[in-house]
């Protein structure tokens, strides 16, 4: 019985092996059934393996990108969490800043109040007994949120009175600064030890609605950016 089984297996192996002999690669359609089946299985396995590796490669790239993004997302999360925790305090600080800005704006005169401010500066000097030799407002310089007016000033008088005048200007209700100070003796017989002070007084005012609109208007030839602003 064992000899018959060995004989049958040997016959099957030999039969299968004979189907793979002398195969014409140019005419696979004429191959026996077993080589066709083997070729189909190999092709299917190759396609499945190629698809699997391509899928794995794409998934690996996505995984690497996600790992690189993870620290940034964690940092952003911590930052937003900190803002959420301190939201009440941040709102209080925002209100304080807004109140401070409002107070500063109140110290800036409007265009209609500039003449009064110039008169206050002049009266501050006359009140200290100083003689104005020069009081010439310059060209208004428009900034982003305010306008700056330089005033060339030259006064003469006693040293103490000049110092008091500078202090009075600093204590005006509106913002006025004295820059480029230069004090020299008056070289005349009638001077009696008087001094001359040259300085540039700078005062500031807020922009009116028309000036703000002009500031925001794009310059001729400016190209709008993606955010709607012009350069």
Protein backbone atom coordinates (compact mmCIF):
# COMPACT_ATOMS: atom_id res chain seq x y z
CA UNK A 1 0.00 0.00 0.00
CA UNK A 2 2.88 2.34 0.87
CA UNK A 3 4.52 1.66 -2.49
CA UNK A 4 1.33 2.68 -4.32
CA UNK A 5 1.13 6.01 -2.42
CA UNK A 6 4.81 6.81 -3.15
CA UNK A 7 4.26 5.96 -6.76
CA UNK A 8 1.18 8.24 -7.01
CA UNK A 9 3.01 11.23 -5.37
CA UNK A 10 6.02 10.72 -7.58
CA UNK A 11 3.78 10.66 -10.59
CA UNK A 12 2.06 13.87 -9.55
CA UNK A 13 5.38 15.66 -8.97
CA UNK A 14 6.73 14.48 -12.25
CA UNK A 15 3.56 15.53 -14.05
CA UNK A 16 3.67 18.98 -12.47
CA UNK A 17 7.37 19.40 -13.26
CA UNK A 18 6.82 18.36 -16.87
CA UNK A 19 4.32 21.22 -17.32
CA UNK A 20 7.06 23.76 -16.49
CA UNK A 21 9.53 22.37 -19.02
CA UNK A 22 10.11 23.99 -22.39
CA UNK A 23 7.72 26.90 -21.73
CA UNK A 24 7.64 29.60 -24.43
CA UNK A 25 7.78 32.97 -22.67
CA UNK A 26 6.46 34.71 -25.77
CA UNK A 27 3.25 32.68 -25.83
CA UNK A 28 1.99 32.32 -22.23
CA UNK A 29 -1.49 31.65 -23.53
CA UNK A 30 -0.35 28.23 -24.68
CA UNK A 31 1.08 27.23 -21.31
CA UNK A 32 -0.43 24.32 -19.41
CA UNK A 33 -2.88 25.07 -16.60
CA UNK A 34 -0.40 24.75 -13.73
CA UNK A 35 2.16 27.28 -15.07
CA UNK A 36 -0.67 29.70 -15.87
CA UNK A 37 -1.96 29.42 -12.31
CA UNK A 38 1.52 29.89 -10.87
CA UNK A 39 2.15 32.95 -13.07
CA UNK A 40 -1.20 34.45 -12.06
CA UNK A 41 -0.44 33.88 -8.37
CA UNK A 42 3.00 35.50 -8.71
CA UNK A 43 1.59 38.53 -10.55
CA UNK A 44 -1.16 38.93 -7.97
CA UNK A 45 1.35 38.67 -5.12
CA UNK A 46 3.62 41.26 -6.80
CA UNK A 47 0.73 43.72 -7.24
CA UNK A 48 -0.44 43.24 -3.66
CA UNK A 49 3.11 43.64 -2.33
CA UNK A 50 3.72 46.80 -4.38
CA UNK A 51 0.42 48.33 -3.25
CA UNK A 52 1.14 47.41 0.34
CA UNK A 53 4.60 49.00 0.31
CA UNK A 54 3.28 52.14 -1.36
CA UNK A 55 0.55 52.40 1.26
CA UNK A 56 3.05 51.87 4.06
CA UNK A 57 5.40 54.52 2.62
CA UNK A 58 2.61 57.09 2.38
CA UNK A 59 1.40 56.30 5.88
CA UNK A 60 4.97 56.56 7.17
CA UNK A 61 5.38 60.03 5.63
CA UNK A 62 2.11 61.18 7.20
CA UNK A 63 3.24 59.79 10.54
CA UNK A 64 6.58 61.64 10.35
CA UNK A 65 4.79 64.88 9.46
CA UNK A 66 2.40 64.42 12.37
CA UNK A 67 5.32 63.80 14.74
CA UNK A 68 7.02 66.99 13.56
CA UNK A 69 3.80 68.95 14.08
CA UNK A 70 3.19 67.55 17.55
CA UNK A 71 5.62 69.86 19.49
CA UNK A 72 4.16 72.94 17.77
CA UNK A 73 0.63 71.90 18.58
CA UNK A 74 1.57 71.22 22.20
CA UNK A 75 3.24 74.64 22.52
CA UNK A 76 0.21 76.33 20.94
CA UNK A 77 -2.08 74.43 23.27
CA UNK A 78 -0.08 75.48 26.35
CA UNK A 79 -0.08 79.09 25.16
CA UNK A 80 -3.83 79.13 24.59
CA UNK A 81 -4.43 77.34 27.85
CA UNK A 82 -2.41 79.99 29.67
CA UNK A 83 -4.41 82.73 27.99
CA UNK A 84 -7.67 81.02 28.89
CA UNK A 85 -6.60 80.67 32.53
CA UNK A 86 -5.53 84.34 32.69
CA UNK A 87 -8.38 85.64 30.53
CA UNK A 88 -9.92 87.67 33.35
CA UNK A 89 -6.59 89.29 34.22
CA UNK A 90 -5.85 90.00 30.56
CA UNK A 91 -9.20 91.74 30.17
CA UNK A 92 -8.45 93.90 33.20
CA UNK A 93 -5.07 94.83 31.73
CA UNK A 94 -6.73 95.67 28.41
CA UNK A 95 -9.16 98.02 30.18
CA UNK A 96 -6.27 99.64 32.06
CA UNK A 97 -4.36 100.20 28.83
CA UNK A 98 -7.45 101.66 27.16
CA UNK A 99 -7.97 104.04 30.11
CA UNK A 100 -4.32 105.05 29.96
CA UNK A 101 -4.53 105.73 26.23
CA UNK A 102 -7.68 107.79 26.79
CA UNK A 103 -5.89 109.88 29.42
CA UNK A 104 -3.00 110.49 27.04
CA UNK A 105 -5.39 111.48 24.27
CA UNK A 106 -6.99 114.05 26.58
CA UNK A 107 -3.58 115.68 26.94
CA UNK A 108 -3.38 116.15 23.17
CA UNK A 109 -5.19 119.22 21.86
CA UNK A 110 -7.25 119.20 18.74
CA UNK A 111 -6.56 121.39 15.72
CA UNK A 112 -8.93 124.07 17.02
CA UNK A 113 -7.12 124.20 20.38
CA UNK A 114 -3.61 124.68 19.00
CA UNK A 115 -3.85 128.48 18.98
CA UNK A 116 -4.80 128.43 22.65
CA UNK A 117 -1.85 126.17 23.47
CA UNK A 118 0.59 128.42 21.60
CA UNK A 119 -0.80 131.36 23.54
CA UNK A 120 -0.27 129.43 26.81
CA UNK A 121 3.39 128.85 25.95
CA UNK A 122 3.84 132.53 25.14
CA UNK A 123 2.12 133.60 28.35
CA UNK A 124 4.30 131.23 30.37
CA UNK A 125 7.38 133.11 29.15
CA UNK A 126 5.91 136.56 29.60
CA UNK A 127 4.72 135.65 33.06
CA UNK A 128 8.33 134.96 34.06
CA UNK A 129 9.49 138.28 32.70
CA UNK A 130 11.25 136.82 29.69
CA UNK A 131 11.59 138.56 26.37
CA UNK A 132 10.65 136.57 23.30
CA UNK A 133 13.07 137.18 20.47
CA UNK A 134 11.75 134.30 18.38
CA UNK A 135 8.53 132.30 18.47
CA UNK A 136 8.05 130.63 15.10
CA UNK A 137 5.82 127.55 14.60
CA UNK A 138 7.22 125.18 11.99
CA UNK A 139 5.68 122.75 9.53
CA UNK A 140 3.17 120.31 11.01
CA UNK A 141 4.43 116.72 10.76
CA UNK A 142 1.66 114.14 10.37
CA UNK A 143 2.40 110.82 12.04
CA UNK A 144 0.36 107.61 12.13
CA UNK A 145 -1.94 108.62 14.99
CA UNK A 146 -1.02 112.20 15.84
CA UNK A 147 0.42 115.42 14.46
CA UNK A 148 3.61 117.05 15.71
CA UNK A 149 4.22 120.82 15.64
CA UNK A 150 7.78 122.10 16.20
CA UNK A 151 8.18 125.67 17.44
CA UNK A 152 11.49 127.52 17.28
CA UNK A 153 11.84 129.55 20.49
CA UNK A 154 14.42 132.10 21.64
CA UNK A 155 13.94 133.95 24.92
CA UNK A 156 16.22 136.06 27.05
CA UNK A 157 16.18 136.82 30.75
CA UNK A 158 17.62 135.78 34.06
CA UNK A 159 18.76 132.20 34.58
CA UNK A 160 16.21 131.55 37.33
CA UNK A 161 13.37 132.88 35.19
CA UNK A 162 14.43 130.74 32.24
CA UNK A 163 14.44 127.66 34.47
CA UNK A 164 11.01 128.55 35.83
CA UNK A 165 9.71 129.02 32.27
CA UNK A 166 10.94 125.54 31.32
CA UNK A 167 9.20 124.09 34.39
CA UNK A 168 5.96 125.95 33.55
CA UNK A 169 6.01 124.53 30.01
CA UNK A 170 6.51 121.02 31.39
CA UNK A 171 3.55 121.48 33.73
CA UNK A 172 1.09 122.65 31.08
CA UNK A 173 -2.09 120.58 30.85
CA UNK A 174 -1.12 119.68 27.27
CA UNK A 175 2.01 117.77 26.27
CA UNK A 176 4.86 120.12 25.34
CA UNK A 177 8.53 119.16 25.26
CA UNK A 178 11.62 121.35 25.00
CA UNK A 179 14.42 119.92 22.89
CA UNK A 180 17.81 121.07 21.60
CA UNK A 181 18.26 123.50 24.50
CA UNK A 182 21.14 125.95 24.23
CA UNK A 183 21.79 128.69 26.81
CA UNK A 184 24.29 131.43 26.05
CA UNK A 185 25.10 134.81 27.67
CA UNK A 186 23.69 137.93 26.07
CA UNK A 187 26.68 140.00 25.00
CA UNK A 188 25.28 143.51 25.26
CA UNK A 189 25.96 146.32 27.72
CA UNK A 190 22.29 146.50 28.68
CA UNK A 191 22.04 142.76 29.29
CA UNK A 192 23.08 142.92 32.92
CA UNK A 193 24.07 139.26 33.03
CA UNK A 194 20.99 138.07 31.15
CA UNK A 195 21.02 134.77 29.30
CA UNK A 196 19.47 133.67 26.02
CA UNK A 197 17.88 130.28 25.57
CA UNK A 198 17.23 128.73 22.20
CA UNK A 199 15.13 125.60 22.01
CA UNK A 200 12.65 123.69 19.93
CA UNK A 201 9.31 123.30 21.66
CA UNK A 202 7.36 120.38 20.33
CA UNK A 203 3.68 119.98 20.95
CA UNK A 204 1.35 117.29 19.71
CA UNK A 205 -2.30 117.03 18.75
CA UNK A 206 -4.56 114.20 17.75
CA UNK A 207 -5.70 113.86 14.15
CA UNK A 208 -9.22 114.79 13.16
CA UNK A 209 -11.49 112.45 11.20
CA UNK A 210 -10.42 113.84 7.82
CA UNK A 211 -6.71 113.45 8.60
CA UNK A 212 -7.20 109.89 9.84
CA UNK A 213 -9.08 109.03 6.64
CA UNK A 214 -6.27 110.55 4.59
CA UNK A 215 -3.72 108.48 6.51
CA UNK A 216 -5.61 105.28 5.81
CA UNK A 217 -6.11 106.08 2.13
CA UNK A 218 -3.67 104.13 -0.08
CA UNK A 219 -0.94 106.18 -1.66
CA UNK A 220 -1.15 106.65 -5.46
CA UNK A 221 0.38 103.66 -7.22
CA UNK A 222 0.41 101.51 -4.08
CA UNK A 223 -0.39 97.85 -4.62
CA UNK A 224 -2.89 96.25 -2.22
CA UNK A 225 -1.61 93.26 -0.29
CA UNK A 226 -3.49 90.02 0.44
CA UNK A 227 -4.71 91.48 3.75
CA UNK A 228 -6.30 94.48 2.04
CA UNK A 229 -3.53 96.93 3.01
CA UNK A 230 -1.37 98.87 0.61
CA UNK A 231 2.35 99.15 0.42
